[in-house]
Amino acid sequence: MLVLILVGCSDNDKKVYNTTGAIDESTTQNTPGVSGDSSTDSAINTEITLSTEENVLQDSPKYVANNEGELSIQDSETAYEMCVRALTDYYKAVWNGSDIELDTFIDNENLKQYTQKKIQSKYDVYGKFNEKVQNIEISAWEVEYTDDVDGGFLYLKLPADIKKTVGSYGEVTEFLVRNVNGKLVIVDWYTGAKDSYDFLVRGENLTIDNPNIWNDSEWVKKLNSKQIEFSGSTR
């Protein structure tokens, strides 16, 4: 059972939840295909088992907001389901060379292009190994709702254990989610493990709290330059 506990905080615009039940004191060689449109169970699971078939597109899931006109903490389970599916497809694309349909999860073109380059860069490294991702498991995750003038956003922190045919490893990924025309979409996505792609390109130990960052054309332009430099240094 998913347990969400409301935690009081001094900022009335923020509500923090923790799925552990404890109060949170802190607020391809195939090239992986990136296309635009996979069905997923409606149940919220902390483990999603991947299909053994690769490069097979399924019907796209739709992550609909609880209320078309607004976002609330009531959308946390659907947001969690979406982020777990995004992570699963992401790791499968990076290690297995499988397709990932970014349009299912992301609306912002700048974030989609960054993620596309990120996947290709990581596949160029990990795709050389004969190790396939089988599933991911999410441990105690956190969700926080913040109200703002654009209708609010959800912050999710997902510690993932990525299980492969040989061994496993863990990474923590942070997401920001908004309601865009009644559909939940990821508006930022950062994995800050030491020496990870985001760590090296975007920067280390970032605070992920700006849902509008990918609309900042100057910031995106500088980040694109960093991606080009990083790609050149790894060849």
Protein backbone atom coordinates (compact mmCIF):
# COMPACT_ATOMS: atom_id res chain seq x y z
CA MET A 1 0.00 0.00 0.00
CA LEU A 2 1.22 3.46 -0.86
CA VAL A 3 1.31 5.63 2.24
CA LEU A 4 1.53 9.37 1.86
CA ILE A 5 2.06 11.38 5.02
CA LEU A 6 1.44 15.12 5.08
CA VAL A 7 4.29 16.97 6.66
CA GLY A 8 3.77 20.47 7.97
CA CYS A 9 6.26 23.08 6.90
CA SER A 10 6.72 26.80 7.30
CA ASP A 11 6.08 27.45 3.62
CA ASN A 12 2.32 27.22 3.18
CA ASP A 13 2.70 26.67 -0.54
CA LYS A 14 4.53 23.37 -0.11
CA LYS A 15 3.30 19.96 0.96
CA VAL A 16 5.88 17.20 1.45
CA TYR A 17 5.11 13.49 1.43
CA ASN A 18 7.26 10.45 2.08
CA THR A 19 6.39 6.88 1.13
CA THR A 20 8.40 5.35 3.96
CA GLY A 21 5.76 6.30 6.49
CA ALA A 22 8.25 8.58 8.25
CA ILE A 23 8.28 12.34 8.33
CA ASP A 24 10.69 13.83 5.85
CA GLU A 25 12.65 16.50 7.62
CA SER A 26 14.00 18.07 4.42
CA THR A 27 12.00 19.79 2.13
CA THR A 28 22.17 0.86 -30.54
CA GLN A 29 24.85 -2.32 -32.42
CA ASN A 30 21.28 -0.67 -32.76
CA THR A 31 20.87 2.97 -32.04
CA PRO A 32 18.21 3.51 -29.39
CA GLY A 33 15.14 4.87 -31.12
CA VAL A 34 13.49 8.00 -29.81
CA SER A 35 10.00 8.38 -31.16
CA GLY A 36 6.79 10.11 -30.28
CA ASP A 37 4.20 7.89 -29.23
CA SER A 38 3.79 1.99 -24.68
CA SER A 39 0.02 0.27 -22.33
CA THR A 40 0.99 0.29 -18.74
CA ASP A 41 -0.78 -1.09 -15.73
CA SER A 42 -2.76 1.44 -13.75
CA ALA A 43 -1.52 -0.03 -10.49
CA ILE A 44 1.36 1.71 -8.76
CA ASN A 45 4.28 -0.70 -8.44
CA THR A 46 7.82 -0.22 -7.21
CA GLU A 47 9.05 -2.70 -9.80
CA ILE A 48 8.37 -2.79 -13.49
CA THR A 49 9.52 -5.88 -15.35
CA LEU A 50 10.66 -5.26 -18.87
CA SER A 51 9.57 -7.26 -21.88
CA THR A 52 12.24 -9.57 -23.25
CA GLU A 53 11.44 -8.31 -26.74
CA GLU A 54 13.35 -5.23 -27.78
CA ASN A 55 12.44 -2.43 -30.14
CA VAL A 56 8.74 -3.23 -29.96
CA LEU A 57 6.44 -0.26 -29.64
CA GLN A 58 3.34 -0.70 -27.56
CA ASP A 59 0.29 1.50 -27.20
CA SER A 60 1.31 4.71 -25.49
CA PRO A 61 0.10 5.15 -21.93
CA LYS A 62 -1.68 8.36 -21.11
CA TYR A 63 -0.98 10.04 -17.82
CA VAL A 64 -4.07 12.13 -17.18
CA ALA A 65 -4.34 14.63 -14.36
CA ASN A 66 -6.93 14.04 -11.68
CA ASN A 67 -8.43 17.42 -12.54
CA GLU A 68 -7.94 18.73 -16.07
CA GLY A 69 -7.66 22.32 -14.92
CA GLU A 70 -5.24 21.95 -12.04
CA LEU A 71 -2.47 19.93 -10.43
CA SER A 72 -2.58 18.67 -6.86
CA ILE A 73 -0.98 16.13 -4.57
CA GLN A 74 -3.79 13.82 -5.67
CA ASP A 75 -1.82 13.42 -8.94
CA SER A 76 1.21 12.01 -7.14
CA GLU A 77 0.46 8.34 -7.85
CA THR A 78 -0.03 8.95 -11.58
CA ALA A 79 3.08 11.14 -11.66
CA TYR A 80 5.02 8.37 -9.91
CA GLU A 81 3.77 5.78 -12.41
CA MET A 82 4.82 8.02 -15.30
CA CYS A 83 8.29 8.69 -13.89
CA VAL A 84 8.94 4.99 -13.18
CA ARG A 85 7.90 4.13 -16.73
CA ALA A 86 10.12 6.91 -18.09
CA LEU A 87 13.09 5.63 -16.08
CA THR A 88 12.46 2.04 -17.15
CA ASP A 89 12.31 2.97 -20.84
CA TYR A 90 15.34 5.23 -20.40
CA TYR A 91 17.59 2.55 -18.89
CA LYS A 92 16.39 0.04 -21.46
CA ALA A 93 17.29 2.50 -24.24
CA VAL A 94 20.74 3.18 -22.73
CA TRP A 95 21.73 -0.44 -22.10
CA ASN A 96 19.57 -2.47 -24.52
CA GLY A 97 19.25 -0.07 -27.45
CA SER A 98 15.48 -0.18 -27.18
CA ASP A 99 13.02 2.48 -28.26
CA ILE A 100 11.88 5.23 -25.95
CA GLU A 101 8.99 7.48 -26.85
CA LEU A 102 9.84 10.77 -25.22
CA ASP A 103 6.61 12.42 -26.37
CA THR A 104 4.81 10.18 -23.90
CA PHE A 105 6.54 11.86 -20.99
CA ILE A 106 7.92 15.23 -22.14
CA ASP A 107 6.27 18.18 -23.83
CA ASN A 108 9.18 20.64 -23.91
CA GLU A 109 11.28 20.32 -27.09
CA ASN A 110 14.47 21.53 -25.41
CA LEU A 111 14.25 18.86 -22.71
CA LYS A 112 13.43 16.21 -25.32
CA GLN A 113 16.48 17.12 -27.41
CA TYR A 114 18.76 17.12 -24.36
CA THR A 115 17.43 13.73 -23.25
CA GLN A 116 17.82 12.33 -26.76
CA LYS A 117 21.50 13.35 -26.85
CA LYS A 118 21.99 12.03 -23.33
CA ILE A 119 20.59 8.61 -24.26
CA GLN A 120 22.76 8.38 -27.38
CA SER A 121 25.88 9.42 -25.48
CA LYS A 122 25.31 6.84 -22.76
CA TYR A 123 24.39 4.10 -25.25
CA ASP A 124 27.65 4.74 -27.11
CA VAL A 125 29.35 3.63 -23.87
CA TYR A 126 27.04 1.06 -22.29
CA GLY A 127 25.76 -0.48 -25.51
CA LYS A 128 29.18 -2.05 -26.02
CA PHE A 129 28.63 -4.32 -23.02
CA ASN A 130 26.67 -7.54 -23.32
CA GLU A 131 24.53 -6.58 -20.34
CA LYS A 132 20.83 -5.96 -20.59
CA VAL A 133 18.57 -4.19 -18.15
CA GLN A 134 15.93 -6.58 -16.85
CA ASN A 135 13.98 -4.34 -14.49
CA ILE A 136 14.28 -1.48 -12.06
CA GLU A 137 13.16 -1.36 -8.47
CA ILE A 138 12.22 1.85 -6.67
CA SER A 139 12.81 2.09 -2.95
CA ALA A 140 11.41 4.73 -0.58
CA TRP A 141 10.44 7.62 -2.83
CA GLU A 142 9.39 11.13 -2.04
CA VAL A 143 6.91 13.56 -3.55
CA GLU A 144 6.33 17.23 -2.86
CA TYR A 145 3.74 19.61 -4.24
CA THR A 146 4.56 23.29 -4.70
CA ASP A 147 2.02 25.89 -5.73
CA ASP A 148 3.02 28.64 -8.16
CA VAL A 149 1.46 31.09 -10.62
CA ASP A 150 1.57 28.49 -13.42
CA GLY A 151 -0.62 25.97 -11.62
CA GLY A 152 1.88 24.24 -9.38
CA PHE A 153 4.26 21.34 -9.86
CA LEU A 154 5.23 18.06 -8.26
CA TYR A 155 8.78 17.19 -7.23
CA LEU A 156 9.57 13.46 -7.13
CA LYS A 157 12.75 11.82 -5.88
CA LEU A 158 13.12 8.20 -7.03
CA PRO A 159 15.99 6.00 -5.77
CA ALA A 160 16.27 3.28 -8.44
CA ASP A 161 18.09 -0.05 -8.36
CA ILE A 162 18.82 -0.94 -11.99
CA LYS A 163 18.98 -4.72 -12.31
CA LYS A 164 20.89 -6.14 -15.30
CA THR A 165 21.65 -9.61 -16.57
CA VAL A 166 24.93 -9.25 -14.69
CA GLY A 167 24.85 -7.21 -11.50
CA SER A 168 23.01 -4.02 -10.66
CA TYR A 169 23.64 -0.44 -9.66
CA GLY A 170 21.74 2.38 -8.04
CA GLU A 171 20.97 5.96 -9.00
CA VAL A 172 18.68 8.61 -7.63
CA THR A 173 16.71 10.67 -10.14
CA GLU A 174 14.68 13.82 -9.49
CA PHE A 175 11.70 14.89 -11.56
CA LEU A 176 9.47 17.93 -11.82
CA VAL A 177 5.97 17.32 -13.16
CA ARG A 178 3.28 19.72 -14.34
CA ASN A 179 -0.27 19.47 -15.63
CA VAL A 180 -0.30 20.63 -19.27
CA ASN A 181 -3.78 20.70 -20.76
CA GLY A 182 -4.95 17.91 -18.51
CA LYS A 183 -1.90 15.67 -19.11
CA LEU A 184 0.92 15.12 -16.66
CA VAL A 185 4.32 15.82 -18.22
CA ILE A 186 7.90 15.84 -16.97
CA VAL A 187 9.29 19.37 -17.12
CA ASP A 188 12.72 18.56 -15.64
CA TRP A 189 14.68 15.35 -15.03
CA TYR A 190 18.06 15.14 -13.30
CA THR A 191 20.21 12.20 -12.22
CA GLY A 192 23.00 13.56 -10.08
CA ALA A 193 25.12 10.50 -9.34
CA LYS A 194 28.84 11.32 -9.31
CA ASP A 195 30.25 11.33 -12.87
CA SER A 196 26.79 10.78 -14.35
CA TYR A 197 25.89 12.55 -17.59
CA ASP A 198 23.80 15.20 -15.85
CA PHE A 199 26.47 15.65 -13.18
CA LEU A 200 29.13 16.31 -15.83
CA VAL A 201 27.05 18.35 -18.29
CA ARG A 202 24.53 20.24 -16.18
CA GLY A 203 26.56 20.47 -13.02
CA GLU A 204 26.93 18.72 -9.69
CA ASN A 205 24.69 18.75 -6.66
CA LEU A 206 22.02 20.89 -8.26
CA THR A 207 18.82 21.89 -6.54
CA ILE A 208 15.99 20.79 -8.83
CA ASP A 209 13.21 23.28 -8.17
CA ASN A 210 12.67 25.32 -11.35
CA PRO A 211 9.91 23.84 -13.54
CA ASN A 212 10.45 26.55 -16.17
CA ILE A 213 14.21 26.09 -16.64
CA TRP A 214 13.91 24.46 -20.09
CA ASN A 215 12.09 27.56 -21.34
CA ASP A 216 15.18 29.69 -20.64
CA SER A 217 16.69 30.02 -24.13
CA GLU A 218 20.04 31.41 -22.91
CA TRP A 219 20.48 28.61 -20.37
CA VAL A 220 19.54 26.00 -22.98
CA LYS A 221 22.00 27.49 -25.46
CA LYS A 222 24.87 27.24 -22.96
CA LEU A 223 23.85 23.70 -22.05
CA ASN A 224 23.80 22.68 -25.72
CA SER A 225 27.38 23.94 -26.02
CA LYS A 226 28.37 21.87 -22.99
CA GLN A 227 26.76 18.80 -24.55
CA ILE A 228 28.78 19.29 -27.74
CA GLU A 229 32.00 19.70 -25.75
CA PHE A 230 31.21 16.63 -23.65
CA SER A 231 30.44 14.50 -26.71
CA GLY A 232 33.74 15.54 -28.28
CA SER A 233 35.72 14.73 -25.12
CA THR A 234 34.32 11.21 -24.85
CA ARG A 235 35.26 10.13 -28.38
